[in-house]
C-alpha atoms as a PDB file:
ATOM      1  CA  UNK A   1      -2.464  20.788  21.129  1.00  0.00           C
ATOM      2  CA  UNK A   2      -0.837  18.265  18.754  1.00  0.00           C
ATOM      3  CA  UNK A   3      -0.667  15.667  21.508  1.00  0.00           C
ATOM      4  CA  UNK A   4      -4.345  16.209  22.310  1.00  0.00           C
ATOM      5  CA  UNK A   5      -5.310  15.760  18.647  1.00  0.00           C
ATOM      6  CA  UNK A   6      -3.195  12.593  18.354  1.00  0.00           C
ATOM      7  CA  UNK A   7      -4.727  11.126  21.515  1.00  0.00           C
ATOM      8  CA  UNK A   8      -8.240  11.924  20.324  1.00  0.00           C
ATOM      9  CA  UNK A   9      -7.413  10.341  16.969  1.00  0.00           C
ATOM     10  CA  UNK A  10      -6.189   7.187  18.745  1.00  0.00           C
ATOM     11  CA  UNK A  11      -9.415   7.102  20.716  1.00  0.00           C
ATOM     12  CA  UNK A  12     -11.399   7.571  17.501  1.00  0.00           C
ATOM     13  CA  UNK A  13      -9.569   4.677  15.838  1.00  0.00           C
ATOM     14  CA  UNK A  14     -10.294   2.450  18.835  1.00  0.00           C
ATOM     15  CA  UNK A  15     -13.973   3.446  18.893  1.00  0.00           C
ATOM     16  CA  UNK A  16     -14.327   2.996  15.117  1.00  0.00           C
ATOM     17  CA  UNK A  17     -12.724  -0.440  15.300  1.00  0.00           C
ATOM     18  CA  UNK A  18     -15.028  -1.465  18.158  1.00  0.00           C
ATOM     19  CA  UNK A  19     -18.049  -0.315  16.137  1.00  0.00           C
ATOM     20  CA  UNK A  20     -16.930  -2.379  13.124  1.00  0.00           C
ATOM     21  CA  UNK A  21     -16.296  -5.436  15.311  1.00  0.00           C
ATOM     22  CA  UNK A  22     -19.732  -5.021  16.895  1.00  0.00           C
ATOM     23  CA  UNK A  23     -21.360  -4.865  13.472  1.00  0.00           C
ATOM     24  CA  UNK A  24     -19.546  -8.074  12.502  1.00  0.00           C
ATOM     25  CA  UNK A  25     -20.832  -9.764  15.670  1.00  0.00           C
ATOM     26  CA  UNK A  26     -24.344  -8.463  14.956  1.00  0.00           C
ATOM     27  CA  UNK A  27     -24.185  -9.898  11.443  1.00  0.00           C
ATOM     28  CA  UNK A  28     -23.094 -13.295  12.787  1.00  0.00           C
ATOM     29  CA  UNK A  29     -25.976 -13.290  15.267  1.00  0.00           C
ATOM     30  CA  UNK A  30     -28.403 -12.196  12.552  1.00  0.00           C
ATOM     31  CA  UNK A  31     -27.326 -15.061  10.272  1.00  0.00           C
ATOM     32  CA  UNK A  32     -27.478 -17.552  13.141  1.00  0.00           C
ATOM     33  CA  UNK A  33     -31.104 -16.803  14.039  1.00  0.00           C
ATOM     34  CA  UNK A  34     -32.214 -16.381  10.447  1.00  0.00           C
ATOM     35  CA  UNK A  35     -34.274 -19.110   8.855  1.00  0.00           C
ATOM     36  CA  UNK A  36     -32.093 -21.104   6.439  1.00  0.00           C
ATOM     37  CA  UNK A  37     -34.741 -21.202   3.710  1.00  0.00           C
ATOM     38  CA  UNK A  38     -35.457 -17.491   3.850  1.00  0.00           C
ATOM     39  CA  UNK A  39     -32.696 -15.357   2.350  1.00  0.00           C
ATOM     40  CA  UNK A  40     -32.824 -11.860   3.744  1.00  0.00           C
ATOM     41  CA  UNK A  41     -30.682  -8.855   2.983  1.00  0.00           C
ATOM     42  CA  UNK A  42     -28.395  -7.257   5.532  1.00  0.00           C
ATOM     43  CA  UNK A  43     -30.335  -5.187   8.078  1.00  0.00           C
ATOM     44  CA  UNK A  44     -30.081  -1.427   7.786  1.00  0.00           C
ATOM     45  CA  UNK A  45     -28.708  -0.960  11.314  1.00  0.00           C
ATOM     46  CA  UNK A  46     -25.701  -3.193  10.516  1.00  0.00           C
ATOM     47  CA  UNK A  47     -25.008  -1.299   7.282  1.00  0.00           C
ATOM     48  CA  UNK A  48     -25.187   2.040   9.111  1.00  0.00           C
ATOM     49  CA  UNK A  49     -22.932   0.683  11.853  1.00  0.00           C
ATOM     50  CA  UNK A  50     -20.283  -0.465   9.354  1.00  0.00           C
ATOM     51  CA  UNK A  51     -20.348   2.843   7.469  1.00  0.00           C
ATOM     52  CA  UNK A  52     -20.154   4.839  10.705  1.00  0.00           C
ATOM     53  CA  UNK A  53     -17.191   2.778  11.935  1.00  0.00           C
ATOM     54  CA  UNK A  54     -15.388   3.203   8.624  1.00  0.00           C
ATOM     55  CA  UNK A  55     -16.012   6.953   8.610  1.00  0.00           C
ATOM     56  CA  UNK A  56     -14.743   7.338  12.173  1.00  0.00           C
ATOM     57  CA  UNK A  57     -11.631   5.284  11.349  1.00  0.00           C
ATOM     58  CA  UNK A  58     -10.869   7.296   8.197  1.00  0.00           C
ATOM     59  CA  UNK A  59     -11.252  10.684   9.867  1.00  0.00           C
ATOM     60  CA  UNK A  60      -9.293   9.576  12.930  1.00  0.00           C
ATOM     61  CA  UNK A  61      -6.549   8.138  10.734  1.00  0.00           C
ATOM     62  CA  UNK A  62      -6.267  11.415   8.863  1.00  0.00           C
ATOM     63  CA  UNK A  63      -5.876  13.291  12.146  1.00  0.00           C
ATOM     64  CA  UNK A  64      -3.507  10.689  13.620  1.00  0.00           C
ATOM     65  CA  UNK A  65      -1.063  10.998  10.707  1.00  0.00           C
ATOM     66  CA  UNK A  66      -1.338  14.778  10.471  1.00  0.00           C
ATOM     67  CA  UNK A  67       2.303  15.517   9.623  1.00  0.00           C
ATOM     68  CA  UNK A  68       1.453  16.291   6.016  1.00  0.00           C
ATOM     69  CA  UNK A  69       3.774  18.317   3.830  1.00  0.00           C
ATOM     70  CA  UNK A  70       2.318  20.892   1.448  1.00  0.00           C
ATOM     71  CA  UNK A  71       2.635  20.022  -2.219  1.00  0.00           C
ATOM     72  CA  UNK A  72       4.882  22.628  -3.794  1.00  0.00           C
ATOM     73  CA  UNK A  73       5.309  21.068  -7.186  1.00  0.00           C
ATOM     74  CA  UNK A  74       5.526  24.310  -9.138  1.00  0.00           C
ATOM     75  CA  UNK A  75       8.295  25.797  -6.989  1.00  0.00           C
ATOM     76  CA  UNK A  76      10.371  22.612  -7.189  1.00  0.00           C
ATOM     77  CA  UNK A  77       9.941  22.198 -10.943  1.00  0.00           C
ATOM     78  CA  UNK A  78      10.785  25.843 -11.618  1.00  0.00           C
ATOM     79  CA  UNK A  79      14.272  25.261 -10.138  1.00  0.00           C
ATOM     80  CA  UNK A  80      15.000  22.336 -12.499  1.00  0.00           C
ATOM     81  CA  UNK A  81      15.609  22.898 -16.191  1.00  0.00           C
ATOM     82  CA  UNK A  82      13.891  20.863 -18.877  1.00  0.00           C
ATOM     83  CA  UNK A  83      17.137  19.275 -20.054  1.00  0.00           C
ATOM     84  CA  UNK A  84      18.019  18.128 -16.517  1.00  0.00           C
ATOM     85  CA  UNK A  85      14.695  16.379 -16.122  1.00  0.00           C
ATOM     86  CA  UNK A  86      14.937  14.546 -19.442  1.00  0.00           C
ATOM     87  CA  UNK A  87      18.647  13.733 -19.088  1.00  0.00           C
ATOM     88  CA  UNK A  88      17.860  11.319 -16.271  1.00  0.00           C
ATOM     89  CA  UNK A  89      18.242   7.818 -17.700  1.00  0.00           C
ATOM     90  CA  UNK A  90      16.024   6.320 -15.019  1.00  0.00           C
ATOM     91  CA  UNK A  91      13.017   8.023 -16.586  1.00  0.00           C
ATOM     92  CA  UNK A  92      13.540   6.467 -20.014  1.00  0.00           C
ATOM     93  CA  UNK A  93      12.289   2.963 -20.751  1.00  0.00           C
ATOM     94  CA  UNK A  94      15.094   0.491 -21.338  1.00  0.00           C
ATOM     95  CA  UNK A  95      13.850  -0.788 -24.670  1.00  0.00           C
ATOM     96  CA  UNK A  96      13.851   2.753 -26.129  1.00  0.00           C
ATOM     97  CA  UNK A  97      17.527   3.361 -25.403  1.00  0.00           C
ATOM     98  CA  UNK A  98      20.265   2.454 -27.839  1.00  0.00           C
ATOM     99  CA  UNK A  99      21.759  -0.252 -25.616  1.00  0.00           C
ATOM    100  CA  UNK A 100      18.334  -1.725 -25.013  1.00  0.00           C
ATOM    101  CA  UNK A 101      17.723  -1.966 -28.743  1.00  0.00           C
ATOM    102  CA  UNK A 102      21.136  -3.531 -29.291  1.00  0.00           C
ATOM    103  CA  UNK A 103      20.446  -6.120 -26.608  1.00  0.00           C
ATOM    104  CA  UNK A 104      17.084  -6.862 -28.117  1.00  0.00           C
ATOM    105  CA  UNK A 105      18.258  -7.291 -31.714  1.00  0.00           C
ATOM    106  CA  UNK A 106      21.746  -8.662 -31.100  1.00  0.00           C
ATOM    107  CA  UNK A 107      20.607 -12.231 -31.779  1.00  0.00           C
ATOM    108  CA  UNK A 108      19.389 -11.477 -35.311  1.00  0.00           C
ATOM    109  CA  UNK A 109      21.821 -12.967 -37.830  1.00  0.00           C
ATOM    110  CA  UNK A 110      23.239 -10.855 -40.637  1.00  0.00           C
ATOM    111  CA  UNK A 111      23.846 -12.021 -44.206  1.00  0.00           C
ATOM    112  CA  UNK A 112      27.550 -12.571 -43.443  1.00  0.00           C
ATOM    113  CA  UNK A 113      26.633 -14.758 -40.467  1.00  0.00           C
ATOM    114  CA  UNK A 114      24.318 -16.810 -42.623  1.00  0.00           C
ATOM    115  CA  UNK A 115      27.037 -17.209 -45.254  1.00  0.00           C
ATOM    116  CA  UNK A 116      29.515 -18.342 -42.598  1.00  0.00           C
ATOM    117  CA  UNK A 117      27.011 -20.800 -41.231  1.00  0.00           C
ATOM    118  CA  UNK A 118      26.367 -22.186 -44.689  1.00  0.00           C
ATOM    119  CA  UNK A 119      30.071 -22.672 -45.299  1.00  0.00           C
ATOM    120  CA  UNK A 120      30.394 -24.507 -41.977  1.00  0.00           C
ATOM    121  CA  UNK A 121      27.450 -26.682 -42.863  1.00  0.00           C
ATOM    122  CA  UNK A 122      28.965 -27.349 -46.276  1.00  0.00           C
ATOM    123  CA  UNK A 123      32.313 -28.315 -44.712  1.00  0.00           C
ATOM    124  CA  UNK A 124      30.590 -30.664 -42.280  1.00  0.00           C
ATOM    125  CA  UNK A 125      28.623 -32.254 -45.068  1.00  0.00           C
ATOM    126  CA  UNK A 126      31.811 -32.785 -47.077  1.00  0.00           C
ATOM    127  CA  UNK A 127      33.510 -34.422 -44.072  1.00  0.00           C
ATOM    128  CA  UNK A 128      30.569 -36.721 -43.453  1.00  0.00           C
ATOM    129  CA  UNK A 129      30.234 -37.711 -47.105  1.00  0.00           C
END
């Protein structure tokens, strides 16, 4: 049964793709024979053909990749405690962590650094003068 569904889905994808390609060819032919001065909208049959091809491709794609797993979010989350979820460092943004803040503000000079820099500048000025 699964093999039959997959084969039918493959056939549906092929048919949907052929329909879309045919609508593209029809649009090219429509534009070729259209008067250049007269701007016309896209014919309804081409729009219907594109939508039908897309619908067939989407449904066939859903059946072709039918190995879906059920979403059991509640049962998985009930096994994990709140502290385990929030202890994961991958879930925290880097700039909110202590090391991230230290990296960010490490380049800011303190008063002692400024005083040291001033004394160095003063020594250099004395040597130059």
